[in-house]
Amino acid sequence: MEPVVFVAVIGGLILMLLIIGAPLRPVRFIGQGIIKIIIGAAFLFFLNTLGNQAGIHVPINPVTSAVAGLLGIPGVAALAAIGYWVI
């Protein structure tokens, strides 16, 4: 294979990756955010299931799911503390 053809093919693949890969980045970011919100809702479900005996109940809505999903276990603990002491 000629070096010119090899460099042209590699350059074309890089150009195609730049053109196709750019629009996929925001879609990937949105998809990861949705997955984190779903995981946060699952965390809150388990908190409500296990915390029912202690009187802890955190409503599952998009805001609390986003906090629990983005912050993880510390976010769930913070929501439980806020629900227990403030409300």
N, C-alpha and C. Protein backbone atom coordinates (compact mmCIF):
# COMPACT_ATOMS: atom_id res chain seq x y z
N MET A 1 0.85 -1.17 0.00
CA MET A 1 0.00 0.00 0.00
C MET A 1 0.90 1.24 0.00
N GLU A 2 0.55 2.16 -0.82
CA GLU A 2 1.31 3.41 -0.94
C GLU A 2 1.17 4.24 0.34
N PRO A 3 2.22 4.91 0.75
CA PRO A 3 2.12 5.75 1.95
C PRO A 3 1.12 6.89 1.81
N VAL A 4 0.96 7.42 0.62
CA VAL A 4 0.02 8.51 0.41
C VAL A 4 -1.41 8.02 0.62
N VAL A 5 -1.71 6.83 0.13
CA VAL A 5 -3.05 6.26 0.29
C VAL A 5 -3.29 5.96 1.77
N PHE A 6 -2.29 5.43 2.45
CA PHE A 6 -2.42 5.12 3.88
C PHE A 6 -2.70 6.37 4.70
N VAL A 7 -1.96 7.43 4.44
CA VAL A 7 -2.15 8.70 5.16
C VAL A 7 -3.52 9.28 4.82
N ALA A 8 -3.96 9.17 3.57
CA ALA A 8 -5.27 9.69 3.17
C ALA A 8 -6.39 8.92 3.87
N VAL A 9 -6.27 7.60 3.98
CA VAL A 9 -7.29 6.80 4.66
C VAL A 9 -7.34 7.14 6.14
N ILE A 10 -6.19 7.23 6.78
CA ILE A 10 -6.15 7.60 8.20
C ILE A 10 -6.71 9.00 8.41
N GLY A 11 -6.35 9.94 7.57
CA GLY A 11 -6.89 11.30 7.67
C GLY A 11 -8.39 11.33 7.47
N GLY A 12 -8.90 10.54 6.52
CA GLY A 12 -10.35 10.47 6.30
C GLY A 12 -11.07 9.87 7.49
N LEU A 13 -10.49 8.85 8.11
CA LEU A 13 -11.10 8.25 9.30
C LEU A 13 -11.12 9.23 10.47
N ILE A 14 -10.05 9.98 10.64
CA ILE A 14 -10.01 10.98 11.71
C ILE A 14 -11.04 12.07 11.45
N LEU A 15 -11.15 12.53 10.22
CA LEU A 15 -12.14 13.55 9.88
C LEU A 15 -13.56 13.04 10.11
N MET A 16 -13.82 11.79 9.71
CA MET A 16 -15.15 11.21 9.91
C MET A 16 -15.45 11.07 11.40
N LEU A 17 -14.47 10.68 12.19
CA LEU A 17 -14.66 10.58 13.63
C LEU A 17 -14.97 11.94 14.24
N LEU A 18 -14.29 12.97 13.80
CA LEU A 18 -14.55 14.31 14.32
C LEU A 18 -15.94 14.80 13.96
N ILE A 19 -16.39 14.50 12.75
CA ILE A 19 -17.71 14.95 12.31
C ILE A 19 -18.82 14.16 13.00
N ILE A 20 -18.68 12.85 13.07
CA ILE A 20 -19.72 12.01 13.66
C ILE A 20 -19.65 12.04 15.18
N GLY A 21 -18.47 12.11 15.76
CA GLY A 21 -18.30 12.05 17.21
C GLY A 21 -18.77 13.30 17.93
N ALA A 22 -18.74 14.43 17.29
CA ALA A 22 -19.13 15.68 17.96
C ALA A 22 -20.60 15.70 18.37
N PRO A 23 -21.54 15.31 17.51
CA PRO A 23 -22.93 15.33 17.95
C PRO A 23 -23.26 14.25 18.98
N LEU A 24 -22.46 13.23 19.09
CA LEU A 24 -22.75 12.15 20.03
C LEU A 24 -22.41 12.52 21.47
N ARG A 25 -21.52 13.47 21.68
CA ARG A 25 -21.12 13.84 23.03
C ARG A 25 -22.28 14.36 23.88
N PRO A 26 -23.10 15.30 23.40
CA PRO A 26 -24.23 15.76 24.23
C PRO A 26 -25.25 14.66 24.49
N VAL A 27 -25.46 13.78 23.52
CA VAL A 27 -26.41 12.68 23.71
C VAL A 27 -25.89 11.74 24.79
N ARG A 28 -24.60 11.47 24.80
CA ARG A 28 -24.01 10.61 25.82
C ARG A 28 -24.13 11.26 27.19
N PHE A 29 -23.92 12.57 27.27
CA PHE A 29 -24.02 13.30 28.54
C PHE A 29 -25.45 13.25 29.08
N ILE A 30 -26.43 13.45 28.22
CA ILE A 30 -27.83 13.39 28.63
C ILE A 30 -28.20 11.98 29.08
N GLY A 31 -27.73 10.98 28.34
CA GLY A 31 -28.01 9.59 28.70
C GLY A 31 -27.42 9.22 30.05
N GLN A 32 -26.21 9.67 30.34
CA GLN A 32 -25.61 9.39 31.64
C GLN A 32 -26.38 10.08 32.76
N GLY A 33 -26.87 11.28 32.49
CA GLY A 33 -27.68 12.00 33.49
C GLY A 33 -28.98 11.27 33.79
N ILE A 34 -29.62 10.75 32.76
CA ILE A 34 -30.87 10.01 32.96
C ILE A 34 -30.62 8.73 33.75
N ILE A 35 -29.52 8.06 33.46
CA ILE A 35 -29.19 6.83 34.19
C ILE A 35 -28.92 7.15 35.65
N LYS A 36 -28.24 8.26 35.94
CA LYS A 36 -27.98 8.64 37.33
C LYS A 36 -29.28 8.97 38.06
N ILE A 37 -30.22 9.61 37.38
CA ILE A 37 -31.51 9.91 38.01
C ILE A 37 -32.26 8.63 38.33
N ILE A 38 -32.20 7.65 37.43
CA ILE A 38 -32.87 6.36 37.68
C ILE A 38 -32.22 5.65 38.86
N ILE A 39 -30.89 5.69 38.94
CA ILE A 39 -30.19 5.07 40.08
C ILE A 39 -30.55 5.80 41.37
N GLY A 40 -30.67 7.12 41.32
CA GLY A 40 -31.09 7.88 42.49
C GLY A 40 -32.48 7.51 42.96
N ALA A 41 -33.39 7.27 42.01
CA ALA A 41 -34.74 6.84 42.37
C ALA A 41 -34.70 5.47 43.03
N ALA A 42 -33.82 4.59 42.56
CA ALA A 42 -33.68 3.27 43.18
C ALA A 42 -33.14 3.40 44.60
N PHE A 43 -32.13 4.28 44.80
CA PHE A 43 -31.61 4.54 46.15
C PHE A 43 -32.73 5.02 47.07
N LEU A 44 -33.54 5.94 46.59
CA LEU A 44 -34.63 6.47 47.42
C LEU A 44 -35.68 5.41 47.71
N PHE A 45 -35.94 4.54 46.75
CA PHE A 45 -36.89 3.45 46.98
C PHE A 45 -36.40 2.55 48.11
N PHE A 46 -35.11 2.19 48.07
CA PHE A 46 -34.56 1.34 49.13
C PHE A 46 -34.53 2.08 50.46
N LEU A 47 -34.26 3.38 50.44
CA LEU A 47 -34.30 4.16 51.68
C LEU A 47 -35.71 4.16 52.26
N ASN A 48 -36.70 4.37 51.43
CA ASN A 48 -38.08 4.38 51.91
C ASN A 48 -38.51 3.01 52.40
N THR A 49 -38.03 1.96 51.74
CA THR A 49 -38.38 0.60 52.16
C THR A 49 -37.74 0.26 53.51
N LEU A 50 -36.46 0.56 53.64
CA LEU A 50 -35.76 0.23 54.89
C LEU A 50 -36.04 1.24 55.99
N GLY A 51 -36.29 2.49 55.64
CA GLY A 51 -36.52 3.52 56.63
C GLY A 51 -37.96 3.63 57.09
N ASN A 52 -38.83 2.80 56.56
CA ASN A 52 -40.25 2.84 56.93
C ASN A 52 -40.43 2.55 58.41
N GLN A 53 -39.64 1.65 58.96
CA GLN A 53 -39.76 1.31 60.38
C GLN A 53 -39.28 2.45 61.27
N ALA A 54 -38.35 3.25 60.79
CA ALA A 54 -37.82 4.37 61.58
C ALA A 54 -38.59 5.66 61.33
N GLY A 55 -39.56 5.63 60.45
CA GLY A 55 -40.35 6.82 60.16
C GLY A 55 -39.70 7.75 59.17
N ILE A 56 -38.76 7.26 58.39
CA ILE A 56 -38.09 8.08 57.39
C ILE A 56 -38.77 7.86 56.05
N HIS A 57 -39.22 8.95 55.45
CA HIS A 57 -39.83 8.88 54.12
C HIS A 57 -39.37 10.09 53.31
N VAL A 58 -38.75 9.81 52.18
CA VAL A 58 -38.32 10.86 51.27
C VAL A 58 -39.11 10.67 49.98
N PRO A 59 -39.86 11.67 49.55
CA PRO A 59 -40.64 11.51 48.32
C PRO A 59 -39.73 11.30 47.11
N ILE A 60 -40.18 10.46 46.21
CA ILE A 60 -39.41 10.19 44.99
C ILE A 60 -39.99 11.07 43.88
N ASN A 61 -39.25 12.11 43.52
CA ASN A 61 -39.60 12.98 42.42
C ASN A 61 -38.32 13.30 41.65
N PRO A 62 -38.42 14.00 40.51
CA PRO A 62 -37.21 14.25 39.73
C PRO A 62 -36.11 15.01 40.48
N VAL A 63 -36.48 15.93 41.35
CA VAL A 63 -35.46 16.72 42.06
C VAL A 63 -34.72 15.85 43.08
N THR A 64 -35.45 15.11 43.91
CA THR A 64 -34.79 14.27 44.90
C THR A 64 -34.04 13.13 44.23
N SER A 65 -34.56 12.60 43.14
CA SER A 65 -33.85 11.55 42.40
C SER A 65 -32.56 12.08 41.81
N ALA A 66 -32.58 13.31 41.30
CA ALA A 66 -31.37 13.91 40.73
C ALA A 66 -30.33 14.16 41.83
N VAL A 67 -30.75 14.63 42.98
CA VAL A 67 -29.82 14.85 44.09
C VAL A 67 -29.21 13.53 44.53
N ALA A 68 -30.06 12.51 44.69
CA ALA A 68 -29.56 11.21 45.13
C ALA A 68 -28.67 10.57 44.07
N GLY A 69 -29.02 10.75 42.80
CA GLY A 69 -28.24 10.14 41.72
C GLY A 69 -26.90 10.82 41.51
N LEU A 70 -26.87 12.14 41.59
CA LEU A 70 -25.63 12.87 41.36
C LEU A 70 -24.69 12.81 42.55
N LEU A 71 -25.23 12.82 43.77
CA LEU A 71 -24.39 12.83 44.95
C LEU A 71 -24.16 11.44 45.54
N GLY A 72 -24.97 10.46 45.14
CA GLY A 72 -24.78 9.10 45.61
C GLY A 72 -25.31 8.91 47.02
N ILE A 73 -24.63 8.03 47.76
CA ILE A 73 -25.05 7.71 49.12
C ILE A 73 -25.03 8.94 50.05
N PRO A 74 -24.04 9.84 49.97
CA PRO A 74 -24.10 11.04 50.81
C PRO A 74 -25.33 11.91 50.49
N GLY A 75 -25.75 11.95 49.24
CA GLY A 75 -26.95 12.69 48.88
C GLY A 75 -28.20 12.08 49.47
N VAL A 76 -28.25 10.76 49.46
CA VAL A 76 -29.40 10.06 50.06
C VAL A 76 -29.42 10.31 51.57
N ALA A 77 -28.25 10.27 52.19
CA ALA A 77 -28.18 10.54 53.63
C ALA A 77 -28.58 11.98 53.94
N ALA A 78 -28.17 12.91 53.09
CA ALA A 78 -28.55 14.31 53.31
C ALA A 78 -30.06 14.50 53.15
N LEU A 79 -30.65 13.85 52.14
CA LEU A 79 -32.10 13.95 51.96
C LEU A 79 -32.85 13.33 53.14
N ALA A 80 -32.34 12.22 53.66
CA ALA A 80 -32.96 11.59 54.82
C ALA A 80 -32.85 12.49 56.05
N ALA A 81 -31.69 13.11 56.23
CA ALA A 81 -31.51 14.01 57.37
C ALA A 81 -32.42 15.22 57.25
N ILE A 82 -32.51 15.78 56.08
CA ILE A 82 -33.40 16.94 55.87
C ILE A 82 -34.85 16.54 56.12
N GLY A 83 -35.22 15.38 55.61
CA GLY A 83 -36.59 14.91 55.82
C GLY A 83 -36.89 14.60 57.27
N TYR A 84 -35.90 14.12 57.99
CA TYR A 84 -36.11 13.74 59.39
C TYR A 84 -36.14 14.95 60.32
N TRP A 85 -35.23 15.91 60.11
CA TRP A 85 -35.13 17.03 61.03
C TRP A 85 -35.94 18.25 60.62
N VAL A 86 -36.04 18.52 59.36
CA VAL A 86 -36.69 19.75 58.93
C VAL A 86 -38.19 19.57 58.75
N ILE A 87 -38.55 18.51 58.10
CA ILE A 87 -39.97 18.33 57.76
C ILE A 87 -40.68 17.52 58.82
